[in-house]
mmCIF file of all heavy atoms, coordinates in Angstrom:
data_MODEL
# 
_entry.id   MODEL 
# 
loop_
_atom_site.group_PDB 
_atom_site.id 
_atom_site.type_symbol 
_atom_site.label_atom_id 
_atom_site.label_alt_id 
_atom_site.label_comp_id 
_atom_site.label_asym_id 
_atom_site.label_entity_id 
_atom_site.label_seq_id 
_atom_site.pdbx_PDB_ins_code 
_atom_site.Cartn_x 
_atom_site.Cartn_y 
_atom_site.Cartn_z 
_atom_site.occupancy 
_atom_site.B_iso_or_equiv 
_atom_site.pdbx_formal_charge 
_atom_site.auth_seq_id 
_atom_site.auth_comp_id 
_atom_site.auth_asym_id 
_atom_site.auth_atom_id 
_atom_site.pdbx_PDB_model_num 
ATOM 1   N N   . GLN A 1 1  ? -8.182 0.288   -15.827 1.00 0.00 ? 1  GLN A N   1 
ATOM 2   C CA  . GLN A 1 1  ? -7.990 1.747   -15.563 1.00 0.00 ? 1  GLN A CA  1 
ATOM 3   C C   . GLN A 1 1  ? -7.824 1.841   -14.042 1.00 0.00 ? 1  GLN A C   1 
ATOM 4   O O   . GLN A 1 1  ? -8.757 1.410   -13.277 1.00 0.00 ? 1  GLN A O   1 
ATOM 5   C CB  . GLN A 1 1  ? -9.242 2.494   -16.014 1.00 0.00 ? 1  GLN A CB  1 
ATOM 6   C CG  . GLN A 1 1  ? -9.597 2.341   -17.380 1.00 0.00 ? 1  GLN A CG  1 
ATOM 7   C CD  . GLN A 1 1  ? -8.697 2.907   -18.417 1.00 0.00 ? 1  GLN A CD  1 
ATOM 8   O OE1 . GLN A 1 1  ? -7.571 3.185   -18.223 1.00 0.00 ? 1  GLN A OE1 1 
ATOM 9   N NE2 . GLN A 1 1  ? -9.195 3.145   -19.695 1.00 0.00 ? 1  GLN A NE2 1 
ATOM 10  N N   . LEU A 1 2  ? -6.685 2.338   -13.565 1.00 0.00 ? 2  LEU A N   1 
ATOM 11  C CA  . LEU A 1 2  ? -6.443 2.402   -12.121 1.00 0.00 ? 2  LEU A CA  1 
ATOM 12  C C   . LEU A 1 2  ? -6.656 3.782   -11.544 1.00 0.00 ? 2  LEU A C   1 
ATOM 13  O O   . LEU A 1 2  ? -6.111 4.783   -12.049 1.00 0.00 ? 2  LEU A O   1 
ATOM 14  C CB  . LEU A 1 2  ? -4.932 2.023   -11.927 1.00 0.00 ? 2  LEU A CB  1 
ATOM 15  C CG  . LEU A 1 2  ? -4.509 0.685   -12.452 1.00 0.00 ? 2  LEU A CG  1 
ATOM 16  C CD1 . LEU A 1 2  ? -2.957 0.555   -12.162 1.00 0.00 ? 2  LEU A CD1 1 
ATOM 17  C CD2 . LEU A 1 2  ? -5.294 -0.494  -11.784 1.00 0.00 ? 2  LEU A CD2 1 
ATOM 18  N N   . ASP A 1 3  ? -7.431 3.713   -10.455 1.00 0.00 ? 3  ASP A N   1 
ATOM 19  C CA  . ASP A 1 3  ? -7.391 4.956   -9.606  1.00 0.00 ? 3  ASP A CA  1 
ATOM 20  C C   . ASP A 1 3  ? -6.207 4.851   -8.738  1.00 0.00 ? 3  ASP A C   1 
ATOM 21  O O   . ASP A 1 3  ? -6.180 3.977   -7.811  1.00 0.00 ? 3  ASP A O   1 
ATOM 22  C CB  . ASP A 1 3  ? -8.655 4.950   -8.725  1.00 0.00 ? 3  ASP A CB  1 
ATOM 23  C CG  . ASP A 1 3  ? -8.784 6.227   -7.861  1.00 0.00 ? 3  ASP A CG  1 
ATOM 24  O OD1 . ASP A 1 3  ? -7.787 6.568   -7.213  1.00 0.00 ? 3  ASP A OD1 1 
ATOM 25  O OD2 . ASP A 1 3  ? -9.838 6.891   -7.797  1.00 0.00 ? 3  ASP A OD2 1 
ATOM 26  N N   . ARG A 1 4  ? -5.139 5.607   -9.014  1.00 0.00 ? 4  ARG A N   1 
ATOM 27  C CA  . ARG A 1 4  ? -3.809 5.318   -8.344  1.00 0.00 ? 4  ARG A CA  1 
ATOM 28  C C   . ARG A 1 4  ? -3.893 5.503   -6.916  1.00 0.00 ? 4  ARG A C   1 
ATOM 29  O O   . ARG A 1 4  ? -3.192 4.940   -6.163  1.00 0.00 ? 4  ARG A O   1 
ATOM 30  C CB  . ARG A 1 4  ? -2.857 6.321   -8.996  1.00 0.00 ? 4  ARG A CB  1 
ATOM 31  C CG  . ARG A 1 4  ? -2.306 5.812   -10.397 1.00 0.00 ? 4  ARG A CG  1 
ATOM 32  C CD  . ARG A 1 4  ? -1.386 4.702   -10.359 1.00 0.00 ? 4  ARG A CD  1 
ATOM 33  N NE  . ARG A 1 4  ? -0.171 5.012   -9.548  1.00 0.00 ? 4  ARG A NE  1 
ATOM 34  C CZ  . ARG A 1 4  ? 0.942  5.559   -10.149 1.00 0.00 ? 4  ARG A CZ  1 
ATOM 35  N NH1 . ARG A 1 4  ? 0.861  5.899   -11.467 1.00 0.00 ? 4  ARG A NH1 1 
ATOM 36  N NH2 . ARG A 1 4  ? 1.975  5.747   -9.440  1.00 0.00 ? 4  ARG A NH2 1 
ATOM 37  N N   . GLY A 1 5  ? -4.756 6.455   -6.426  1.00 0.00 ? 5  GLY A N   1 
ATOM 38  C CA  . GLY A 1 5  ? -4.846 6.693   -4.908  1.00 0.00 ? 5  GLY A CA  1 
ATOM 39  C C   . GLY A 1 5  ? -5.349 5.399   -4.227  1.00 0.00 ? 5  GLY A C   1 
ATOM 40  O O   . GLY A 1 5  ? -4.642 4.798   -3.353  1.00 0.00 ? 5  GLY A O   1 
ATOM 41  N N   . SER A 1 6  ? -6.504 4.889   -4.571  1.00 0.00 ? 6  SER A N   1 
ATOM 42  C CA  . SER A 1 6  ? -7.085 3.732   -4.026  1.00 0.00 ? 6  SER A CA  1 
ATOM 43  C C   . SER A 1 6  ? -6.164 2.487   -4.199  1.00 0.00 ? 6  SER A C   1 
ATOM 44  O O   . SER A 1 6  ? -6.073 1.697   -3.324  1.00 0.00 ? 6  SER A O   1 
ATOM 45  C CB  . SER A 1 6  ? -8.526 3.463   -4.368  1.00 0.00 ? 6  SER A CB  1 
ATOM 46  O OG  . SER A 1 6  ? -8.526 3.180   -5.823  1.00 0.00 ? 6  SER A OG  1 
ATOM 47  N N   . PHE A 1 7  ? -5.620 2.405   -5.380  1.00 0.00 ? 7  PHE A N   1 
ATOM 48  C CA  . PHE A 1 7  ? -4.669 1.250   -5.651  1.00 0.00 ? 7  PHE A CA  1 
ATOM 49  C C   . PHE A 1 7  ? -3.478 1.237   -4.807  1.00 0.00 ? 7  PHE A C   1 
ATOM 50  O O   . PHE A 1 7  ? -3.171 0.170   -4.202  1.00 0.00 ? 7  PHE A O   1 
ATOM 51  C CB  . PHE A 1 7  ? -4.446 1.300   -7.126  1.00 0.00 ? 7  PHE A CB  1 
ATOM 52  C CG  . PHE A 1 7  ? -3.587 0.035   -7.641  1.00 0.00 ? 7  PHE A CG  1 
ATOM 53  C CD1 . PHE A 1 7  ? -4.017 -1.219  -7.409  1.00 0.00 ? 7  PHE A CD1 1 
ATOM 54  C CD2 . PHE A 1 7  ? -2.353 0.155   -8.327  1.00 0.00 ? 7  PHE A CD2 1 
ATOM 55  C CE1 . PHE A 1 7  ? -3.372 -2.293  -7.756  1.00 0.00 ? 7  PHE A CE1 1 
ATOM 56  C CE2 . PHE A 1 7  ? -1.681 -0.965  -8.772  1.00 0.00 ? 7  PHE A CE2 1 
ATOM 57  C CZ  . PHE A 1 7  ? -2.119 -2.141  -8.463  1.00 0.00 ? 7  PHE A CZ  1 
ATOM 58  N N   . GLU A 1 8  ? -2.803 2.367   -4.683  1.00 0.00 ? 8  GLU A N   1 
ATOM 59  C CA  . GLU A 1 8  ? -1.643 2.392   -3.879  1.00 0.00 ? 8  GLU A CA  1 
ATOM 60  C C   . GLU A 1 8  ? -1.960 2.178   -2.364  1.00 0.00 ? 8  GLU A C   1 
ATOM 61  O O   . GLU A 1 8  ? -1.137 1.564   -1.682  1.00 0.00 ? 8  GLU A O   1 
ATOM 62  C CB  . GLU A 1 8  ? -0.831 3.650   -4.131  1.00 0.00 ? 8  GLU A CB  1 
ATOM 63  C CG  . GLU A 1 8  ? -0.163 3.712   -5.508  1.00 0.00 ? 8  GLU A CG  1 
ATOM 64  C CD  . GLU A 1 8  ? 0.694  4.892   -5.689  1.00 0.00 ? 8  GLU A CD  1 
ATOM 65  O OE1 . GLU A 1 8  ? 1.181  5.513   -4.703  1.00 0.00 ? 8  GLU A OE1 1 
ATOM 66  O OE2 . GLU A 1 8  ? 0.985  5.214   -6.898  1.00 0.00 ? 8  GLU A OE2 1 
ATOM 67  N N   . ASN A 1 9  ? -3.095 2.684   -1.888  1.00 0.00 ? 9  ASN A N   1 
ATOM 68  C CA  . ASN A 1 9  ? -3.463 2.361   -0.584  1.00 0.00 ? 9  ASN A CA  1 
ATOM 69  C C   . ASN A 1 9  ? -3.647 0.839   -0.357  1.00 0.00 ? 9  ASN A C   1 
ATOM 70  O O   . ASN A 1 9  ? -3.294 0.310   0.748   1.00 0.00 ? 9  ASN A O   1 
ATOM 71  C CB  . ASN A 1 9  ? -4.746 3.138   -0.207  1.00 0.00 ? 9  ASN A CB  1 
ATOM 72  C CG  . ASN A 1 9  ? -4.541 4.643   -0.161  1.00 0.00 ? 9  ASN A CG  1 
ATOM 73  O OD1 . ASN A 1 9  ? -3.421 5.091   0.184   1.00 0.00 ? 9  ASN A OD1 1 
ATOM 74  N ND2 . ASN A 1 9  ? -5.584 5.379   -0.307  1.00 0.00 ? 9  ASN A ND2 1 
ATOM 75  N N   . GLU A 1 10 ? -4.279 0.288   -1.364  1.00 0.00 ? 10 GLU A N   1 
ATOM 76  C CA  . GLU A 1 10 ? -4.400 -1.215  -1.226  1.00 0.00 ? 10 GLU A CA  1 
ATOM 77  C C   . GLU A 1 10 ? -3.077 -1.941  -1.222  1.00 0.00 ? 10 GLU A C   1 
ATOM 78  O O   . GLU A 1 10 ? -2.781 -2.919  -0.437  1.00 0.00 ? 10 GLU A O   1 
ATOM 79  C CB  . GLU A 1 10 ? -5.232 -1.728  -2.462  1.00 0.00 ? 10 GLU A CB  1 
ATOM 80  C CG  . GLU A 1 10 ? -5.371 -3.275  -2.528  1.00 0.00 ? 10 GLU A CG  1 
ATOM 81  C CD  . GLU A 1 10 ? -6.302 -3.903  -1.507  1.00 0.00 ? 10 GLU A CD  1 
ATOM 82  O OE1 . GLU A 1 10 ? -7.034 -3.116  -0.842  1.00 0.00 ? 10 GLU A OE1 1 
ATOM 83  O OE2 . GLU A 1 10 ? -6.125 -5.088  -1.258  1.00 0.00 ? 10 GLU A OE2 1 
ATOM 84  N N   . LEU A 1 11 ? -2.072 -1.466  -2.049  1.00 0.00 ? 11 LEU A N   1 
ATOM 85  C CA  . LEU A 1 11 ? -0.826 -2.040  -2.070  1.00 0.00 ? 11 LEU A CA  1 
ATOM 86  C C   . LEU A 1 11 ? -0.054 -1.847  -0.706  1.00 0.00 ? 11 LEU A C   1 
ATOM 87  O O   . LEU A 1 11 ? 0.617  -2.817  -0.255  1.00 0.00 ? 11 LEU A O   1 
ATOM 88  C CB  . LEU A 1 11 ? 0.074  -1.411  -3.143  1.00 0.00 ? 11 LEU A CB  1 
ATOM 89  C CG  . LEU A 1 11 ? -0.392 -1.766  -4.650  1.00 0.00 ? 11 LEU A CG  1 
ATOM 90  C CD1 . LEU A 1 11 ? 0.487  -0.945  -5.647  1.00 0.00 ? 11 LEU A CD1 1 
ATOM 91  C CD2 . LEU A 1 11 ? -0.396 -3.225  -4.928  1.00 0.00 ? 11 LEU A CD2 1 
ATOM 92  N N   . ILE A 1 12 ? -0.240 -0.754  -0.096  1.00 0.00 ? 12 ILE A N   1 
ATOM 93  C CA  . ILE A 1 12 ? 0.349  -0.536  1.230   1.00 0.00 ? 12 ILE A CA  1 
ATOM 94  C C   . ILE A 1 12 ? -0.224 -1.527  2.189   1.00 0.00 ? 12 ILE A C   1 
ATOM 95  O O   . ILE A 1 12 ? 0.657  -2.137  2.994   1.00 0.00 ? 12 ILE A O   1 
ATOM 96  C CB  . ILE A 1 12 ? 0.044  0.872   1.695   1.00 0.00 ? 12 ILE A CB  1 
ATOM 97  C CG1 . ILE A 1 12 ? 0.923  1.908   1.003   1.00 0.00 ? 12 ILE A CG1 1 
ATOM 98  C CG2 . ILE A 1 12 ? 0.239  1.033   3.229   1.00 0.00 ? 12 ILE A CG2 1 
ATOM 99  C CD1 . ILE A 1 12 ? 0.578  3.372   1.275   1.00 0.00 ? 12 ILE A CD1 1 
ATOM 100 N N   . GLN A 1 13 ? -1.514 -1.721  2.154   1.00 0.00 ? 13 GLN A N   1 
ATOM 101 C CA  . GLN A 1 13 ? -2.069 -2.733  3.164   1.00 0.00 ? 13 GLN A CA  1 
ATOM 102 C C   . GLN A 1 13 ? -1.494 -4.093  2.862   1.00 0.00 ? 13 GLN A C   1 
ATOM 103 O O   . GLN A 1 13 ? -1.250 -4.813  3.855   1.00 0.00 ? 13 GLN A O   1 
ATOM 104 C CB  . GLN A 1 13 ? -3.564 -2.611  3.085   1.00 0.00 ? 13 GLN A CB  1 
ATOM 105 C CG  . GLN A 1 13 ? -4.253 -1.327  3.519   1.00 0.00 ? 13 GLN A CG  1 
ATOM 106 C CD  . GLN A 1 13 ? -3.677 -0.853  4.942   1.00 0.00 ? 13 GLN A CD  1 
ATOM 107 O OE1 . GLN A 1 13 ? -3.713 -1.685  5.849   1.00 0.00 ? 13 GLN A OE1 1 
ATOM 108 N NE2 . GLN A 1 13 ? -3.341 0.347   5.008   1.00 0.00 ? 13 GLN A NE2 1 
ATOM 109 N N   . ARG A 1 14 ? -1.401 -4.477  1.634   1.00 0.00 ? 14 ARG A N   1 
ATOM 110 C CA  . ARG A 1 14 ? -0.920 -5.839  1.335   1.00 0.00 ? 14 ARG A CA  1 
ATOM 111 C C   . ARG A 1 14 ? 0.534  -5.955  1.701   1.00 0.00 ? 14 ARG A C   1 
ATOM 112 O O   . ARG A 1 14 ? 0.926  -7.038  2.097   1.00 0.00 ? 14 ARG A O   1 
ATOM 113 C CB  . ARG A 1 14 ? -1.233 -6.133  -0.255  1.00 0.00 ? 14 ARG A CB  1 
ATOM 114 C CG  . ARG A 1 14 ? -2.640 -6.349  -0.541  1.00 0.00 ? 14 ARG A CG  1 
ATOM 115 C CD  . ARG A 1 14 ? -2.911 -6.505  -2.001  1.00 0.00 ? 14 ARG A CD  1 
ATOM 116 N NE  . ARG A 1 14 ? -4.229 -6.756  -2.308  1.00 0.00 ? 14 ARG A NE  1 
ATOM 117 C CZ  . ARG A 1 14 ? -4.775 -7.961  -2.685  1.00 0.00 ? 14 ARG A CZ  1 
ATOM 118 N NH1 . ARG A 1 14 ? -3.953 -8.982  -2.874  1.00 0.00 ? 14 ARG A NH1 1 
ATOM 119 N NH2 . ARG A 1 14 ? -5.999 -8.005  -2.855  1.00 0.00 ? 14 ARG A NH2 1 
ATOM 120 N N   . SER A 1 15 ? 1.302  -4.939  1.438   1.00 0.00 ? 15 SER A N   1 
ATOM 121 C CA  . SER A 1 15 ? 2.797  -4.978  1.755   1.00 0.00 ? 15 SER A CA  1 
ATOM 122 C C   . SER A 1 15 ? 2.956  -5.171  3.235   1.00 0.00 ? 15 SER A C   1 
ATOM 123 O O   . SER A 1 15 ? 3.788  -5.915  3.767   1.00 0.00 ? 15 SER A O   1 
ATOM 124 C CB  . SER A 1 15 ? 3.468  -3.765  1.234   1.00 0.00 ? 15 SER A CB  1 
ATOM 125 O OG  . SER A 1 15 ? 4.825  -3.894  1.415   1.00 0.00 ? 15 SER A OG  1 
ATOM 126 N N   . LYS A 1 16 ? 2.160  -4.386  4.058   1.00 0.00 ? 16 LYS A N   1 
ATOM 127 C CA  . LYS A 1 16 ? 2.295  -4.420  5.526   1.00 0.00 ? 16 LYS A CA  1 
ATOM 128 C C   . LYS A 1 16 ? 1.894  -5.891  6.028   1.00 0.00 ? 16 LYS A C   1 
ATOM 129 O O   . LYS A 1 16 ? 2.366  -6.455  6.896   1.00 0.00 ? 16 LYS A O   1 
ATOM 130 C CB  . LYS A 1 16 ? 1.547  -3.420  6.210   1.00 0.00 ? 16 LYS A CB  1 
ATOM 131 C CG  . LYS A 1 16 ? 2.135  -1.966  5.930   1.00 0.00 ? 16 LYS A CG  1 
ATOM 132 C CD  . LYS A 1 16 ? 1.210  -0.884  6.283   1.00 0.00 ? 16 LYS A CD  1 
ATOM 133 C CE  . LYS A 1 16 ? 0.921  -0.712  7.818   1.00 0.00 ? 16 LYS A CE  1 
ATOM 134 N NZ  . LYS A 1 16 ? 0.117  0.479   8.041   1.00 0.00 ? 16 LYS A NZ  1 
ATOM 135 N N   . ALA A 1 17 ? 0.759  -6.333  5.406   1.00 0.00 ? 17 ALA A N   1 
ATOM 136 C CA  . ALA A 1 17 ? 0.273  -7.668  5.756   1.00 0.00 ? 17 ALA A CA  1 
ATOM 137 C C   . ALA A 1 17 ? 1.249  -8.758  5.486   1.00 0.00 ? 17 ALA A C   1 
ATOM 138 O O   . ALA A 1 17 ? 1.336  -9.817  6.154   1.00 0.00 ? 17 ALA A O   1 
ATOM 139 C CB  . ALA A 1 17 ? -1.092 -7.957  5.058   1.00 0.00 ? 17 ALA A CB  1 
ATOM 140 N N   . ALA A 1 18 ? 2.062  -8.557  4.417   1.00 0.00 ? 18 ALA A N   1 
ATOM 141 C CA  . ALA A 1 18 ? 3.065  -9.517  4.022   1.00 0.00 ? 18 ALA A CA  1 
ATOM 142 C C   . ALA A 1 18 ? 4.271  -9.455  4.961   1.00 0.00 ? 18 ALA A C   1 
ATOM 143 O O   . ALA A 1 18 ? 5.212  -10.342 4.921   1.00 0.00 ? 18 ALA A O   1 
ATOM 144 C CB  . ALA A 1 18 ? 3.533  -9.281  2.622   1.00 0.00 ? 18 ALA A CB  1 
ATOM 145 N N   . GLY A 1 19 ? 4.312  -8.439  5.858   1.00 0.00 ? 19 GLY A N   1 
ATOM 146 C CA  . GLY A 1 19 ? 5.410  -8.445  6.892   1.00 0.00 ? 19 GLY A CA  1 
ATOM 147 C C   . GLY A 1 19 ? 6.447  -7.294  6.589   1.00 0.00 ? 19 GLY A C   1 
ATOM 148 O O   . GLY A 1 19 ? 7.454  -7.252  7.297   1.00 0.00 ? 19 GLY A O   1 
ATOM 149 N N   . ASN A 1 20 ? 6.227  -6.464  5.500   1.00 0.00 ? 20 ASN A N   1 
ATOM 150 C CA  . ASN A 1 20 ? 7.152  -5.425  5.194   1.00 0.00 ? 20 ASN A CA  1 
ATOM 151 C C   . ASN A 1 20 ? 6.832  -4.194  6.098   1.00 0.00 ? 20 ASN A C   1 
ATOM 152 O O   . ASN A 1 20 ? 5.709  -4.029  6.537   1.00 0.00 ? 20 ASN A O   1 
ATOM 153 C CB  . ASN A 1 20 ? 6.964  -4.971  3.692   1.00 0.00 ? 20 ASN A CB  1 
ATOM 154 C CG  . ASN A 1 20 ? 7.363  -6.199  2.763   1.00 0.00 ? 20 ASN A CG  1 
ATOM 155 O OD1 . ASN A 1 20 ? 8.254  -6.877  3.048   1.00 0.00 ? 20 ASN A OD1 1 
ATOM 156 N ND2 . ASN A 1 20 ? 6.631  -6.188  1.637   1.00 0.00 ? 20 ASN A ND2 1 
ATOM 157 N N   . GLU A 1 21 ? 7.807  -3.441  6.420   1.00 0.00 ? 21 GLU A N   1 
ATOM 158 C CA  . GLU A 1 21 ? 7.669  -2.243  7.299   1.00 0.00 ? 21 GLU A CA  1 
ATOM 159 C C   . GLU A 1 21 ? 7.623  -1.036  6.439   1.00 0.00 ? 21 GLU A C   1 
ATOM 160 O O   . GLU A 1 21 ? 8.451  -0.924  5.430   1.00 0.00 ? 21 GLU A O   1 
ATOM 161 C CB  . GLU A 1 21 ? 8.786  -2.198  8.311   1.00 0.00 ? 21 GLU A CB  1 
ATOM 162 C CG  . GLU A 1 21 ? 8.803  -3.318  9.275   1.00 0.00 ? 21 GLU A CG  1 
ATOM 163 C CD  . GLU A 1 21 ? 9.836  -3.045  10.431  1.00 0.00 ? 21 GLU A CD  1 
ATOM 164 O OE1 . GLU A 1 21 ? 9.884  -1.899  10.928  1.00 0.00 ? 21 GLU A OE1 1 
ATOM 165 O OE2 . GLU A 1 21 ? 10.423 -3.993  10.848  1.00 0.00 ? 21 GLU A OE2 1 
ATOM 166 N N   . LEU A 1 22 ? 6.794  -0.140  6.777   1.00 0.00 ? 22 LEU A N   1 
ATOM 167 C CA  . LEU A 1 22 ? 6.580  1.134   6.029   1.00 0.00 ? 22 LEU A CA  1 
ATOM 168 C C   . LEU A 1 22 ? 6.686  2.250   6.979   1.00 0.00 ? 22 LEU A C   1 
ATOM 169 O O   . LEU A 1 22 ? 6.051  2.295   8.036   1.00 0.00 ? 22 LEU A O   1 
ATOM 170 C CB  . LEU A 1 22 ? 5.253  1.130   5.412   1.00 0.00 ? 22 LEU A CB  1 
ATOM 171 C CG  . LEU A 1 22 ? 4.773  2.451   4.685   1.00 0.00 ? 22 LEU A CG  1 
ATOM 172 C CD1 . LEU A 1 22 ? 5.520  2.696   3.438   1.00 0.00 ? 22 LEU A CD1 1 
ATOM 173 C CD2 . LEU A 1 22 ? 3.258  2.408   4.464   1.00 0.00 ? 22 LEU A CD2 1 
ATOM 174 N N   . GLN A 1 23 ? 7.485  3.268   6.669   1.00 0.00 ? 23 GLN A N   1 
ATOM 175 C CA  . GLN A 1 23 ? 7.621  4.460   7.460   1.00 0.00 ? 23 GLN A CA  1 
ATOM 176 C C   . GLN A 1 23 ? 7.193  5.733   6.538   1.00 0.00 ? 23 GLN A C   1 
ATOM 177 O O   . GLN A 1 23 ? 7.852  5.956   5.478   1.00 0.00 ? 23 GLN A O   1 
ATOM 178 C CB  . GLN A 1 23 ? 9.071  4.669   7.888   1.00 0.00 ? 23 GLN A CB  1 
ATOM 179 C CG  . GLN A 1 23 ? 9.306  5.923   8.655   1.00 0.00 ? 23 GLN A CG  1 
ATOM 180 C CD  . GLN A 1 23 ? 8.681  5.724   10.093  1.00 0.00 ? 23 GLN A CD  1 
ATOM 181 O OE1 . GLN A 1 23 ? 8.935  4.859   10.818  1.00 0.00 ? 23 GLN A OE1 1 
ATOM 182 N NE2 . GLN A 1 23 ? 7.737  6.612   10.361  1.00 0.00 ? 23 GLN A NE2 1 
ATOM 183 N N   . LEU A 1 24 ? 6.156  6.303   6.906   1.00 0.00 ? 24 LEU A N   1 
ATOM 184 C CA  . LEU A 1 24 ? 5.632  7.513   6.132   1.00 0.00 ? 24 LEU A CA  1 
ATOM 185 C C   . LEU A 1 24 ? 6.246  8.791   6.701   1.00 0.00 ? 24 LEU A C   1 
ATOM 186 O O   . LEU A 1 24 ? 6.935  8.826   7.714   1.00 0.00 ? 24 LEU A O   1 
ATOM 187 C CB  . LEU A 1 24 ? 4.197  7.666   6.311   1.00 0.00 ? 24 LEU A CB  1 
ATOM 188 C CG  . LEU A 1 24 ? 3.276  6.437   5.763   1.00 0.00 ? 24 LEU A CG  1 
ATOM 189 C CD1 . LEU A 1 24 ? 1.797  6.685   6.096   1.00 0.00 ? 24 LEU A CD1 1 
ATOM 190 C CD2 . LEU A 1 24 ? 3.443  6.252   4.197   1.00 0.00 ? 24 LEU A CD2 1 
ATOM 191 N N   . GLY A 1 25 ? 6.139  9.807   5.896   1.00 0.00 ? 25 GLY A N   1 
ATOM 192 C CA  . GLY A 1 25 ? 6.710  11.101  6.185   1.00 0.00 ? 25 GLY A CA  1 
ATOM 193 C C   . GLY A 1 25 ? 8.236  11.187  6.197   1.00 0.00 ? 25 GLY A C   1 
ATOM 194 O O   . GLY A 1 25 ? 8.783  12.075  6.838   1.00 0.00 ? 25 GLY A O   1 
# 
C-alpha cells in the first residue's frame, strides 16, 4: 500500500542521485 506523496518524493531523490536532472514548476 503506497502513500503516493512520500513514495514519489523518494523516487525524486533517487532519480537525482542517479544523475538525472529534474525541473519543477
